[in-house]
Amino acid sequence: MKHLNYLDRKKLELYLKPRYGETKIGQELEPISDISNLKDMPQEYVIVGIPEDIGVVANHGKAGTALAWDSFLRSFLNTQKNDYNPVDNVVILGNIDCTIELKKAREFDKNHNDYHVFLGDLVESIDDKVYEVVKAIYLANKIPVIIGGGHNNAYGIIKAYAEAFDRPLNVLNIDAHTDLRHMDYRHSGNGFSYALKNKYLKKYFIFGLHENYTPHYVFNDIKSNAHIDFCFFDHLLHLNPLERLSKLKHACNFLGENFGLEIDCDSMGNFNSSAMSPSGFTTDQMRNMLSLLKRNSLEYIHFCEAIPDEHGLTGKALSYFVSDLLRV
């Protein structure tokens, strides 16, 4: 597949930091050289990266999400292989190639009147690549775990599911924002708007929405659509753990048995991300929610908007999230 950079053994070993007497997860993983081979593999989960931040910048956000994939690999591949960290149910495919779009974005004049609209065109190009790769994963009857990039990539993922299985998808989005902004051009803030418009998305629940970040017109749109619901983070603040769990179960019940899971790292307080906030879920609360949500029939899991930090904490957090997902 021309839009996919496979993580072969040579590339994988560049990330490894082996130690005598220890086995790292990256040493146990079996690289794959052709996406068509997935259908014959027993693993359930397929990890793929999207190293881009064009959608974020197009939405006037902070660049850097293009580097999250690399940061994740540096941590995840060096996780200890032991009885508590199984790797027999996962394949790391590689990353979607966004180099052409990133080059064009860097070279375009940022002071041009149509700068953000031009970026929107590049986002549409990435949409097509995400759609093609993720649809192939679905057709192999695997569950995609997508790392990195802006929240704009949710659109290509949802479209891939809808067209692979000829039915719309329900989605739970743990996020400080709805990403239901106007459809003037494609960016990280309107992926779900486009998915709803094109009937790829049916039911949509935003868990942990911030009152401060949601425009009035978006609330009006939500009120007019019985298939959209939300729960404010501001209200969850005042609840005990069991009450918060009850709210999460309500979100799952609203969506039904099968749904996709979006985790926007902006939803966590002081987490390095494109719209970093001092208020939000803690990393440990997110890990707890993931452990509960994986009991549902998740059609995909998408971690987005993360930006690496100098201490490697972002990559470690993403590694924890994926490890929690894979544990039985």
Protein backbone atom coordinates (compact mmCIF):
# COMPACT_ATOMS: atom_id res chain seq x y z
CA MET A 1 0.00 0.00 0.00
CA LYS A 2 1.61 3.20 -1.19
CA HIS A 3 0.43 5.42 1.69
CA LEU A 4 1.87 3.18 4.40
CA ASN A 5 5.36 3.14 5.89
CA TYR A 6 5.76 -0.34 7.36
CA LEU A 7 7.66 -0.72 10.62
CA ASP A 8 10.11 -3.38 9.51
CA ARG A 9 12.65 -5.06 11.79
CA LYS A 10 15.44 -2.64 10.84
CA LYS A 11 13.34 0.43 11.72
CA LEU A 12 11.98 -1.20 14.86
CA GLU A 13 15.43 -1.98 16.23
CA LEU A 14 16.39 1.70 16.00
CA TYR A 15 13.99 2.34 18.87
CA LEU A 16 15.11 -0.54 21.08
CA LYS A 17 17.31 -0.18 24.14
CA PRO A 18 18.08 -3.81 25.02
CA ARG A 19 19.42 -4.81 28.43
CA TYR A 20 21.05 -8.05 29.43
CA GLY A 21 18.61 -10.54 30.95
CA GLU A 22 15.54 -8.54 29.91
CA THR A 23 13.12 -8.84 27.01
CA LYS A 24 11.43 -5.75 25.60
CA ILE A 25 8.09 -5.86 23.79
CA GLY A 26 9.73 -4.62 20.60
CA GLN A 27 11.98 -7.66 20.56
CA GLU A 28 8.96 -9.97 20.53
CA LEU A 29 6.80 -8.23 17.95
CA GLU A 30 6.67 -9.70 14.47
CA PRO A 31 6.96 -6.99 11.77
CA ILE A 32 4.57 -7.11 8.83
CA SER A 33 5.55 -6.18 5.29
CA ASP A 34 2.18 -6.27 3.54
CA ILE A 35 -1.17 -5.14 4.92
CA SER A 36 -2.91 -7.89 2.94
CA ASN A 37 -1.28 -10.43 5.28
CA LEU A 38 -3.33 -9.17 8.22
CA LYS A 39 -6.31 -11.35 7.38
CA ASP A 40 -4.24 -14.49 7.96
CA MET A 41 -2.80 -13.36 11.29
CA PRO A 42 -4.38 -14.32 14.65
CA GLN A 43 -3.80 -10.98 16.38
CA GLU A 44 -6.87 -8.87 17.15
CA TYR A 45 -5.38 -5.37 17.39
CA VAL A 46 -3.42 -3.45 14.76
CA ILE A 47 -1.50 -0.34 15.80
CA VAL A 48 -0.92 2.37 13.19
CA GLY A 49 0.42 5.91 13.51
CA ILE A 50 -0.59 9.17 11.82
CA PRO A 51 2.33 11.60 12.14
CA GLU A 52 0.71 14.88 11.13
CA ASP A 53 -0.37 18.17 12.71
CA ILE A 54 -1.84 19.94 9.69
CA GLY A 55 -5.42 19.55 10.90
CA VAL A 56 -4.50 21.06 14.26
CA VAL A 57 -2.79 24.09 12.69
CA ALA A 58 -5.69 24.50 10.27
CA ASN A 59 -7.88 24.81 13.39
CA HIS A 60 -5.55 27.49 14.82
CA GLY A 61 -4.08 25.00 17.30
CA LYS A 62 -0.56 24.24 18.47
CA ALA A 63 1.65 22.17 16.15
CA GLY A 64 3.54 19.11 17.37
CA THR A 65 1.11 16.21 17.15
CA ALA A 66 3.08 14.91 14.16
CA LEU A 67 5.75 13.76 16.62
CA ALA A 68 3.51 11.74 18.96
CA TRP A 69 3.87 8.51 16.96
CA ASP A 70 7.65 8.51 17.30
CA SER A 71 7.42 9.31 21.02
CA PHE A 72 4.96 6.45 21.53
CA LEU A 73 7.22 3.94 19.78
CA ARG A 74 10.25 4.93 21.87
CA SER A 75 8.31 4.08 25.01
CA PHE A 76 6.02 1.24 23.97
CA LEU A 77 8.65 -0.84 22.18
CA ASN A 78 10.87 -0.68 25.27
CA THR A 79 8.15 -1.82 27.65
CA GLN A 80 9.16 -4.94 29.56
CA LYS A 81 7.84 -8.22 28.16
CA ASN A 82 6.56 -10.20 31.13
CA ASP A 83 3.52 -12.20 32.23
CA TYR A 84 1.55 -8.98 32.67
CA ASN A 85 2.36 -7.39 29.31
CA PRO A 86 1.13 -9.74 26.56
CA VAL A 87 2.12 -9.02 22.97
CA ASP A 88 0.54 -12.02 21.28
CA ASN A 89 -2.63 -10.11 20.38
CA VAL A 90 -1.18 -7.05 18.64
CA VAL A 91 0.55 -6.10 15.39
CA ILE A 92 2.35 -2.79 14.81
CA LEU A 93 1.71 -2.01 11.18
CA GLY A 94 3.61 1.26 10.76
CA ASN A 95 2.48 4.78 9.97
CA ILE A 96 0.44 6.54 7.32
CA ASP A 97 2.76 8.60 5.13
CA CYS A 98 1.97 12.31 5.48
CA THR A 99 5.36 13.65 4.36
CA ILE A 100 4.09 15.22 1.14
CA GLU A 101 1.32 17.12 2.93
CA LEU A 102 3.66 18.22 5.72
CA LYS A 103 6.19 19.53 3.19
CA LYS A 104 3.52 21.50 1.34
CA ALA A 105 2.22 22.94 4.60
CA ARG A 106 5.71 24.09 5.66
CA GLU A 107 6.40 25.72 2.31
CA PHE A 108 3.11 27.63 2.01
CA ASP A 109 3.14 31.28 3.11
CA LYS A 110 1.63 31.48 6.61
CA ASN A 111 0.66 35.09 6.00
CA HIS A 112 -1.41 34.26 2.92
CA ASN A 113 -5.11 35.06 3.28
CA ASP A 114 -6.03 31.51 2.28
CA TYR A 115 -3.41 29.79 4.46
CA HIS A 116 -5.86 27.86 6.65
CA VAL A 117 -8.09 26.95 3.71
CA PHE A 118 -5.01 25.61 1.90
CA LEU A 119 -4.22 23.49 4.96
CA GLY A 120 -7.81 22.23 4.81
CA ASP A 121 -7.14 20.88 1.33
CA LEU A 122 -4.12 19.01 2.69
CA VAL A 123 -6.29 17.59 5.49
CA GLU A 124 -8.64 16.19 2.86
CA SER A 125 -5.67 14.49 1.21
CA ILE A 126 -4.76 12.90 4.56
CA ASP A 127 -8.42 11.92 5.03
CA ASP A 128 -8.17 9.80 1.90
CA LYS A 129 -5.00 8.07 3.11
CA VAL A 130 -6.44 7.35 6.56
CA TYR A 131 -9.61 5.99 4.97
CA GLU A 132 -7.69 3.65 2.66
CA VAL A 133 -5.39 2.19 5.33
CA VAL A 134 -8.00 1.86 8.10
CA LYS A 135 -10.56 0.32 5.74
CA ALA A 136 -8.00 -2.37 4.86
CA ILE A 137 -7.56 -3.10 8.57
CA TYR A 138 -11.32 -3.42 9.00
CA LEU A 139 -11.65 -5.72 5.99
CA ALA A 140 -9.06 -7.96 7.64
CA ASN A 141 -11.45 -8.14 10.64
CA LYS A 142 -9.01 -6.40 12.98
CA ILE A 143 -9.45 -3.59 15.49
CA PRO A 144 -7.42 -0.47 14.63
CA VAL A 145 -5.53 1.32 17.40
CA ILE A 146 -4.52 4.68 15.95
CA ILE A 147 -1.84 6.90 17.49
CA GLY A 148 -0.97 10.49 16.79
CA GLY A 149 -2.09 13.37 14.62
CA GLY A 150 -4.97 15.75 15.12
CA HIS A 151 -8.60 14.94 15.78
CA ASN A 152 -9.30 15.60 12.11
CA ASN A 153 -8.29 11.96 11.51
CA ALA A 154 -11.44 10.70 13.23
CA TYR A 155 -13.32 11.44 10.02
CA GLY A 156 -11.27 9.07 7.86
CA ILE A 157 -11.48 6.35 10.51
CA ILE A 158 -15.26 6.60 10.84
CA LYS A 159 -15.75 6.75 7.06
CA ALA A 160 -13.58 3.62 6.67
CA TYR A 161 -15.78 1.69 9.11
CA ALA A 162 -19.04 2.86 7.54
CA GLU A 163 -17.98 1.89 4.03
CA ALA A 164 -16.23 -1.34 5.04
CA PHE A 165 -19.33 -2.65 6.82
CA ASP A 166 -22.02 -0.66 4.99
CA ARG A 167 -23.44 0.87 8.17
CA PRO A 168 -22.85 4.03 10.22
CA LEU A 169 -20.83 3.91 13.41
CA ASN A 170 -21.55 5.13 16.95
CA VAL A 171 -18.67 6.92 18.70
CA LEU A 172 -17.72 7.82 22.28
CA ASN A 173 -15.40 10.83 22.35
CA ILE A 174 -13.59 11.60 25.64
CA ASP A 175 -12.80 15.21 24.90
CA ALA A 176 -12.90 18.76 26.21
CA HIS A 177 -14.38 19.80 22.85
CA THR A 178 -17.18 18.55 20.59
CA ASP A 179 -15.28 18.98 17.29
CA LEU A 180 -18.62 19.85 15.76
CA ARG A 181 -17.55 23.20 14.33
CA HIS A 182 -18.66 24.69 11.01
CA MET A 183 -17.80 22.85 7.81
CA ASP A 184 -16.13 25.77 6.07
CA TYR A 185 -13.01 23.70 5.38
CA ARG A 186 -11.51 20.55 6.90
CA HIS A 187 -9.58 20.81 10.16
CA SER A 188 -9.27 19.12 13.54
CA GLY A 189 -12.38 20.83 14.91
CA ASN A 190 -15.00 19.51 12.48
CA GLY A 191 -14.28 15.84 11.78
CA PHE A 192 -17.50 14.73 13.48
CA SER A 193 -19.50 17.44 11.68
CA TYR A 194 -18.47 15.94 8.35
CA ALA A 195 -19.02 12.38 9.58
CA LEU A 196 -22.58 13.26 10.62
CA LYS A 197 -23.31 15.14 7.41
CA ASN A 198 -22.20 12.21 5.25
CA LYS A 199 -24.10 9.71 7.44
CA TYR A 200 -20.99 7.79 8.46
CA LEU A 201 -21.64 8.64 12.11
CA LYS A 202 -24.95 7.83 13.79
CA LYS A 203 -24.84 8.23 17.58
CA TYR A 204 -22.23 10.47 19.15
CA PHE A 205 -21.46 11.05 22.85
CA ILE A 206 -18.90 13.56 24.17
CA PHE A 207 -17.70 12.62 27.65
CA GLY A 208 -15.90 15.28 29.69
CA LEU A 209 -16.95 18.28 27.61
CA HIS A 210 -15.77 21.66 28.99
CA GLU A 211 -18.36 24.40 29.30
CA ASN A 212 -15.74 27.06 28.55
CA TYR A 213 -14.77 25.67 25.14
CA THR A 214 -18.11 25.04 23.45
CA PRO A 215 -19.72 27.69 21.17
CA HIS A 216 -23.40 28.49 21.64
CA TYR A 217 -24.28 27.41 18.08
CA VAL A 218 -22.84 23.94 18.77
CA PHE A 219 -25.13 23.51 21.77
CA ASN A 220 -28.07 24.47 19.55
CA ASP A 221 -27.01 21.87 16.98
CA ILE A 222 -26.75 19.20 19.68
CA LYS A 223 -30.19 20.02 21.05
CA SER A 224 -31.70 19.54 17.61
CA ASN A 225 -30.16 16.06 17.16
CA ALA A 226 -31.44 13.21 19.34
CA HIS A 227 -28.42 11.10 18.31
CA ILE A 228 -25.95 13.40 20.09
CA ASP A 229 -25.47 13.63 23.85
CA PHE A 230 -22.75 14.77 26.24
CA CYS A 231 -21.61 14.96 29.84
CA PHE A 232 -19.77 18.00 31.18
CA PHE A 233 -16.40 17.53 32.86
CA ASP A 234 -17.39 20.50 35.01
CA HIS A 235 -20.23 18.39 36.47
CA LEU A 236 -18.11 15.26 36.86
CA LEU A 237 -15.77 17.25 39.12
CA HIS A 238 -18.30 17.15 41.93
CA LEU A 239 -19.00 13.42 41.75
CA ASN A 240 -17.36 10.55 43.58
CA PRO A 241 -15.69 7.73 41.56
CA LEU A 242 -18.77 5.51 41.56
CA GLU A 243 -20.98 8.35 40.36
CA ARG A 244 -18.51 9.16 37.56
CA LEU A 245 -18.54 5.49 36.59
CA SER A 246 -22.31 5.62 36.41
CA LYS A 247 -22.11 8.57 34.01
CA LEU A 248 -19.67 6.65 31.81
CA LYS A 249 -21.99 3.64 31.77
CA HIS A 250 -24.81 5.97 30.74
CA ALA A 251 -22.72 7.10 27.77
CA CYS A 252 -22.10 3.48 26.77
CA ASN A 253 -25.78 2.63 27.10
CA PHE A 254 -26.67 5.61 24.91
CA LEU A 255 -24.37 4.33 22.17
CA GLY A 256 -25.23 0.65 22.37
CA GLU A 257 -23.08 -2.46 22.38
CA ASN A 258 -20.64 -1.52 19.57
CA PHE A 259 -18.91 1.83 19.20
CA GLY A 260 -15.63 3.50 18.36
CA LEU A 261 -13.58 5.17 21.09
CA GLU A 262 -11.88 8.53 20.69
CA ILE A 263 -9.46 9.77 23.36
CA ASP A 264 -8.42 13.36 22.83
CA CYS A 265 -5.43 14.09 25.05
CA ASP A 266 -6.76 17.64 25.49
CA SER A 267 -9.28 16.09 27.88
CA MET A 268 -6.53 15.49 30.49
CA GLY A 269 -5.34 18.29 32.73
CA ASN A 270 -1.73 19.44 32.21
CA PHE A 271 -1.20 16.85 29.48
CA ASN A 272 1.06 18.15 26.72
CA SER A 273 -1.33 18.53 23.80
CA SER A 274 -2.53 20.85 21.06
CA ALA A 275 -4.95 22.64 23.40
CA MET A 276 -3.38 21.97 26.76
CA SER A 277 -5.58 22.79 29.74
CA PRO A 278 -4.88 23.08 33.48
CA SER A 279 -8.15 21.27 34.16
CA GLY A 280 -9.24 17.83 33.05
CA PHE A 281 -9.07 14.12 33.77
CA THR A 282 -5.88 12.78 35.31
CA THR A 283 -3.79 10.23 33.45
CA ASP A 284 -4.71 7.61 36.04
CA GLN A 285 -8.43 8.38 35.63
CA MET A 286 -8.03 7.91 31.88
CA ARG A 287 -6.31 4.56 32.44
CA ASN A 288 -9.18 3.51 34.69
CA MET A 289 -11.77 4.50 32.09
CA LEU A 290 -9.88 2.58 29.40
CA SER A 291 -9.84 -0.54 31.55
CA LEU A 292 -13.61 -0.28 31.92
CA LEU A 293 -14.38 0.66 28.32
CA LYS A 294 -12.41 -2.21 26.79
CA ARG A 295 -15.07 -4.55 28.16
CA ASN A 296 -17.35 -3.13 25.47
CA SER A 297 -17.16 -4.11 21.80
CA LEU A 298 -14.83 -1.33 20.65
CA GLU A 299 -14.63 -0.97 16.88
CA TYR A 300 -11.50 1.19 17.07
CA ILE A 301 -9.45 3.25 19.53
CA HIS A 302 -7.95 6.58 18.50
CA PHE A 303 -5.50 8.56 20.68
CA CYS A 304 -5.03 12.04 19.27
CA GLU A 305 -3.83 15.62 19.86
CA ALA A 306 -0.84 14.54 22.01
CA ILE A 307 2.43 16.48 21.72
CA PRO A 308 5.73 15.02 22.97
CA ASP A 309 7.54 16.72 25.85
CA GLU A 310 11.25 16.86 26.61
CA HIS A 311 10.96 14.25 29.38
CA GLY A 312 9.18 11.64 27.25
CA LEU A 313 6.10 11.64 29.49
CA THR A 314 3.69 11.93 26.57
CA GLY A 315 5.06 8.80 24.92
CA LYS A 316 5.01 6.96 28.24
CA ALA A 317 1.39 7.92 28.86
CA LEU A 318 0.33 6.71 25.40
CA SER A 319 2.28 3.51 26.05
CA TYR A 320 0.41 2.97 29.33
CA PHE A 321 -2.92 3.51 27.58
CA VAL A 322 -2.18 0.97 24.85
CA SER A 323 -0.75 -1.53 27.35
CA ASP A 324 -3.91 -1.26 29.47
CA LEU A 325 -5.97 -1.88 26.35
CA LEU A 326 -4.05 -5.06 25.49
CA ARG A 327 -4.11 -6.61 28.96
CA VAL A 328 -6.68 -9.38 29.41
